[in-house]
Amino acid sequence: MLKKYDYLSSLKRFKNTFTGFFFGGIISMALILGFILSELVFYDLVKSKNKNNE
């Protein structure tokens, strides 16, 4: 009985860690993508501004 409970709790803990890691990965990926996109947009804005000034 105790062994079965230990197995279930360890499985639950593993699942929680896995989901946490999974969502953490998704969030970090989204942040990185958003950062890259904002950098690209900012670069384009600066480029177009420089073109207008010339």
PDB file of N, CA and C in Angstrom:
ATOM      1  N   MET A   1       0.847  -1.206   0.000  1.00  0.00           N
ATOM      2  CA  MET A   1       0.000   0.000   0.000  1.00  0.00           C
ATOM      3  C   MET A   1       0.882   1.256   0.000  1.00  0.00           C
ATOM      4  N   LEU A   2       1.867   1.283   0.898  1.00  0.00           N
ATOM      5  CA  LEU A   2       2.762   2.435   1.002  1.00  0.00           C
ATOM      6  C   LEU A   2       3.571   2.587  -0.291  1.00  0.00           C
ATOM      7  N   LYS A   3       4.011   1.452  -0.821  1.00  0.00           N
ATOM      8  CA  LYS A   3       4.817   1.479  -2.042  1.00  0.00           C
ATOM      9  C   LYS A   3       3.997   2.048  -3.209  1.00  0.00           C
ATOM     10  N   LYS A   4       2.745   1.621  -3.299  1.00  0.00           N
ATOM     11  CA  LYS A   4       1.860   2.098  -4.362  1.00  0.00           C
ATOM     12  C   LYS A   4       1.666   3.609  -4.235  1.00  0.00           C
ATOM     13  N   TYR A   5       1.487   4.098  -3.010  1.00  0.00           N
ATOM     14  CA  TYR A   5       1.287   5.525  -2.782  1.00  0.00           C
ATOM     15  C   TYR A   5       2.539   6.303  -3.179  1.00  0.00           C
ATOM     16  N   ASP A   6       3.704   5.776  -2.808  1.00  0.00           N
ATOM     17  CA  ASP A   6       4.974   6.415  -3.154  1.00  0.00           C
ATOM     18  C   ASP A   6       5.120   6.508  -4.668  1.00  0.00           C
ATOM     19  N   TYR A   7       4.760   5.434  -5.349  1.00  0.00           N
ATOM     20  CA  TYR A   7       4.865   5.393  -6.803  1.00  0.00           C
ATOM     21  C   TYR A   7       3.958   6.446  -7.433  1.00  0.00           C
ATOM     22  N   LEU A   8       2.725   6.545  -6.922  1.00  0.00           N
ATOM     23  CA  LEU A   8       1.766   7.526  -7.444  1.00  0.00           C
ATOM     24  C   LEU A   8       2.243   8.954  -7.206  1.00  0.00           C
ATOM     25  N   SER A   9       2.750   9.208  -5.999  1.00  0.00           N
ATOM     26  CA  SER A   9       3.196  10.572  -5.684  1.00  0.00           C
ATOM     27  C   SER A   9       4.415  10.949  -6.525  1.00  0.00           C
ATOM     28  N   SER A  10       5.320   9.983  -6.750  1.00  0.00           N
ATOM     29  CA  SER A  10       6.498  10.282  -7.558  1.00  0.00           C
ATOM     30  C   SER A  10       6.087  10.527  -9.005  1.00  0.00           C
ATOM     31  N   LEU A  11       5.091   9.777  -9.464  1.00  0.00           N
ATOM     32  CA  LEU A  11       4.578   9.947 -10.825  1.00  0.00           C
ATOM     33  C   LEU A  11       3.953  11.337 -10.967  1.00  0.00           C
ATOM     34  N   LYS A  12       3.190  11.730  -9.945  1.00  0.00           N
ATOM     35  CA  LYS A  12       2.544  13.045  -9.942  1.00  0.00           C
ATOM     36  C   LYS A  12       3.606  14.141  -9.957  1.00  0.00           C
ATOM     37  N   ARG A  13       4.649  13.959  -9.141  1.00  0.00           N
ATOM     38  CA  ARG A  13       5.714  14.946  -9.063  1.00  0.00           C
ATOM     39  C   ARG A  13       6.411  15.054 -10.425  1.00  0.00           C
ATOM     40  N   PHE A  14       6.668  13.916 -11.042  1.00  0.00           N
ATOM     41  CA  PHE A  14       7.323  13.895 -12.353  1.00  0.00           C
ATOM     42  C   PHE A  14       6.471  14.629 -13.384  1.00  0.00           C
ATOM     43  N   LYS A  15       5.149  14.371 -13.331  1.00  0.00           N
ATOM     44  CA  LYS A  15       4.222  15.007 -14.263  1.00  0.00           C
ATOM     45  C   LYS A  15       4.222  16.524 -14.056  1.00  0.00           C
ATOM     46  N   ASN A  16       4.207  16.948 -12.803  1.00  0.00           N
ATOM     47  CA  ASN A  16       4.214  18.382 -12.498  1.00  0.00           C
ATOM     48  C   ASN A  16       5.495  19.033 -13.007  1.00  0.00           C
ATOM     49  N   THR A  17       6.630  18.338 -12.790  1.00  0.00           N
ATOM     50  CA  THR A  17       7.913  18.873 -13.246  1.00  0.00           C
ATOM     51  C   THR A  17       7.925  18.952 -14.755  1.00  0.00           C
ATOM     52  N   PHE A  18       7.403  17.919 -15.396  1.00  0.00           N
ATOM     53  CA  PHE A  18       7.396  17.869 -16.857  1.00  0.00           C
ATOM     54  C   PHE A  18       6.540  18.982 -17.439  1.00  0.00           C
ATOM     55  N   THR A  19       5.331  19.171 -16.886  1.00  0.00           N
ATOM     56  CA  THR A  19       4.440  20.216 -17.398  1.00  0.00           C
ATOM     57  C   THR A  19       5.051  21.597 -17.139  1.00  0.00           C
ATOM     58  N   GLY A  20       5.674  21.759 -15.973  1.00  0.00           N
ATOM     59  CA  GLY A  20       6.321  23.025 -15.642  1.00  0.00           C
ATOM     60  C   GLY A  20       7.442  23.321 -16.630  1.00  0.00           C
ATOM     61  N   PHE A  21       8.239  22.301 -16.912  1.00  0.00           N
ATOM     62  CA  PHE A  21       9.349  22.439 -17.849  1.00  0.00           C
ATOM     63  C   PHE A  21       8.825  22.745 -19.248  1.00  0.00           C
ATOM     64  N   PHE A  22       7.755  22.033 -19.638  1.00  0.00           N
ATOM     65  CA  PHE A  22       7.145  22.186 -20.962  1.00  0.00           C
ATOM     66  C   PHE A  22       6.616  23.610 -21.146  1.00  0.00           C
ATOM     67  N   PHE A  23       5.842  24.080 -20.165  1.00  0.00           N
ATOM     68  CA  PHE A  23       5.274  25.423 -20.267  1.00  0.00           C
ATOM     69  C   PHE A  23       6.360  26.490 -20.158  1.00  0.00           C
ATOM     70  N   GLY A  24       7.367  26.203 -19.338  1.00  0.00           N
ATOM     71  CA  GLY A  24       8.492  27.134 -19.218  1.00  0.00           C
ATOM     72  C   GLY A  24       9.194  27.274 -20.562  1.00  0.00           C
ATOM     73  N   GLY A  25       9.356  26.150 -21.248  1.00  0.00           N
ATOM     74  CA  GLY A  25       9.996  26.162 -22.569  1.00  0.00           C
ATOM     75  C   GLY A  25       9.176  26.950 -23.567  1.00  0.00           C
ATOM     76  N   ILE A  26       7.861  26.744 -23.550  1.00  0.00           N
ATOM     77  CA  ILE A  26       6.969  27.458 -24.474  1.00  0.00           C
ATOM     78  C   ILE A  26       7.039  28.960 -24.211  1.00  0.00           C
ATOM     79  N   ILE A  27       7.004  29.342 -22.935  1.00  0.00           N
ATOM     80  CA  ILE A  27       7.025  30.758 -22.574  1.00  0.00           C
ATOM     81  C   ILE A  27       8.351  31.404 -22.990  1.00  0.00           C
ATOM     82  N   SER A  28       9.465  30.697 -22.725  1.00  0.00           N
ATOM     83  CA  SER A  28      10.770  31.262 -23.085  1.00  0.00           C
ATOM     84  C   SER A  28      10.896  31.375 -24.602  1.00  0.00           C
ATOM     85  N   MET A  29      10.364  30.379 -25.325  1.00  0.00           N
ATOM     86  CA  MET A  29      10.398  30.419 -26.797  1.00  0.00           C
ATOM     87  C   MET A  29       9.608  31.629 -27.289  1.00  0.00           C
ATOM     88  N   ALA A  30       8.418  31.840 -26.696  1.00  0.00           N
ATOM     89  CA  ALA A  30       7.566  32.964 -27.102  1.00  0.00           C
ATOM     90  C   ALA A  30       8.272  34.292 -26.820  1.00  0.00           C
ATOM     91  N   LEU A  31       8.953  34.371 -25.669  1.00  0.00           N
ATOM     92  CA  LEU A  31       9.667  35.597 -25.314  1.00  0.00           C
ATOM     93  C   LEU A  31      10.784  35.867 -26.302  1.00  0.00           C
ATOM     94  N   ILE A  32      11.544  34.811 -26.635  1.00  0.00           N
ATOM     95  CA  ILE A  32      12.657  34.954 -27.576  1.00  0.00           C
ATOM     96  C   ILE A  32      12.129  35.387 -28.949  1.00  0.00           C
ATOM     97  N   LEU A  33      11.056  34.731 -29.399  1.00  0.00           N
ATOM     98  CA  LEU A  33      10.470  35.076 -30.702  1.00  0.00           C
ATOM     99  C   LEU A  33       9.972  36.517 -30.702  1.00  0.00           C
ATOM    100  N   GLY A  34       9.301  36.901 -29.625  1.00  0.00           N
ATOM    101  CA  GLY A  34       8.793  38.263 -29.521  1.00  0.00           C
ATOM    102  C   GLY A  34       9.927  39.271 -29.534  1.00  0.00           C
ATOM    103  N   PHE A  35      11.026  38.949 -28.842  1.00  0.00           N
ATOM    104  CA  PHE A  35      12.187  39.832 -28.807  1.00  0.00           C
ATOM    105  C   PHE A  35      12.767  39.990 -30.208  1.00  0.00           C
ATOM    106  N   ILE A  36      12.921  38.867 -30.928  1.00  0.00           N
ATOM    107  CA  ILE A  36      13.464  38.903 -32.289  1.00  0.00           C
ATOM    108  C   ILE A  36      12.557  39.729 -33.205  1.00  0.00           C
ATOM    109  N   LEU A  37      11.243  39.499 -33.094  1.00  0.00           N
ATOM    110  CA  LEU A  37      10.284  40.233 -33.928  1.00  0.00           C
ATOM    111  C   LEU A  37      10.345  41.726 -33.642  1.00  0.00           C
ATOM    112  N   SER A  38      10.396  42.091 -32.361  1.00  0.00           N
ATOM    113  CA  SER A  38      10.433  43.510 -32.005  1.00  0.00           C
ATOM    114  C   SER A  38      11.734  44.149 -32.506  1.00  0.00           C
ATOM    115  N   GLU A  39      12.833  43.389 -32.433  1.00  0.00           N
ATOM    116  CA  GLU A  39      14.117  43.892 -32.930  1.00  0.00           C
ATOM    117  C   GLU A  39      14.024  44.159 -34.430  1.00  0.00           C
ATOM    118  N   LEU A  40      13.422  43.194 -35.149  1.00  0.00           N
ATOM    119  CA  LEU A  40      13.271  43.340 -36.609  1.00  0.00           C
ATOM    120  C   LEU A  40      12.410  44.551 -36.947  1.00  0.00           C
ATOM    121  N   VAL A  41      11.291  44.695 -36.232  1.00  0.00           N
ATOM    122  CA  VAL A  41      10.378  45.825 -36.478  1.00  0.00           C
ATOM    123  C   VAL A  41      11.088  47.145 -36.184  1.00  0.00           C
ATOM    124  N   PHE A  42      11.809  47.179 -35.073  1.00  0.00           N
ATOM    125  CA  PHE A  42      12.537  48.390 -34.685  1.00  0.00           C
ATOM    126  C   PHE A  42      13.583  48.736 -35.739  1.00  0.00           C
ATOM    127  N   TYR A  43      14.302  47.715 -36.221  1.00  0.00           N
ATOM    128  CA  TYR A  43      15.328  47.902 -37.250  1.00  0.00           C
ATOM    129  C   TYR A  43      14.704  48.465 -38.527  1.00  0.00           C
ATOM    130  N   ASP A  44      13.545  47.890 -38.909  1.00  0.00           N
ATOM    131  CA  ASP A  44      12.841  48.371 -40.104  1.00  0.00           C
ATOM    132  C   ASP A  44      12.411  49.832 -39.933  1.00  0.00           C
ATOM    133  N   LEU A  45      11.919  50.174 -38.751  1.00  0.00           N
ATOM    134  CA  LEU A  45      11.486  51.546 -38.482  1.00  0.00           C
ATOM    135  C   LEU A  45      12.657  52.508 -38.602  1.00  0.00           C
ATOM    136  N   VAL A  46      13.779  52.140 -38.010  1.00  0.00           N
ATOM    137  CA  VAL A  46      14.973  52.988 -38.052  1.00  0.00           C
ATOM    138  C   VAL A  46      15.447  53.144 -39.495  1.00  0.00           C
ATOM    139  N   LYS A  47      15.411  52.045 -40.241  1.00  0.00           N
ATOM    140  CA  LYS A  47      15.838  52.074 -41.643  1.00  0.00           C
ATOM    141  C   LYS A  47      14.937  53.009 -42.460  1.00  0.00           C
ATOM    142  N   SER A  48      13.631  52.880 -42.285  1.00  0.00           N
ATOM    143  CA  SER A  48      12.689  53.711 -43.043  1.00  0.00           C
ATOM    144  C   SER A  48      12.829  55.176 -42.633  1.00  0.00           C
ATOM    145  N   LYS A  49      13.090  55.428 -41.327  1.00  0.00           N
ATOM    146  CA  LYS A  49      13.274  56.795 -40.844  1.00  0.00           C
ATOM    147  C   LYS A  49      14.512  57.419 -41.495  1.00  0.00           C
ATOM    148  N   ASN A  50      15.583  56.622 -41.575  1.00  0.00           N
ATOM    149  CA  ASN A  50      16.821  57.113 -42.198  1.00  0.00           C
ATOM    150  C   ASN A  50      16.608  57.402 -43.675  1.00  0.00           C
ATOM    151  N   LYS A  51      15.802  56.549 -44.322  1.00  0.00           N
ATOM    152  CA  LYS A  51      15.519  56.745 -45.759  1.00  0.00           C
ATOM    153  C   LYS A  51      14.730  58.044 -45.946  1.00  0.00           C
ATOM    154  N   ASN A  52      13.787  58.321 -45.069  1.00  0.00           N
ATOM    155  CA  ASN A  52      12.964  59.531 -45.184  1.00  0.00           C
ATOM    156  C   ASN A  52      13.803  60.796 -44.955  1.00  0.00           C
ATOM    157  N   ASN A  53      14.785  60.696 -44.068  1.00  0.00           N
ATOM    158  CA  ASN A  53      15.634  61.847 -43.761  1.00  0.00           C
ATOM    159  C   ASN A  53      16.556  62.206 -44.912  1.00  0.00           C
ATOM    160  N   GLU A  54      16.950  61.224 -45.691  1.00  0.00           N
ATOM    161  CA  GLU A  54      17.907  61.474 -46.781  1.00  0.00           C
ATOM    162  C   GLU A  54      17.329  62.343 -47.874  1.00  0.00           C
TER     163      GLU A  54
END
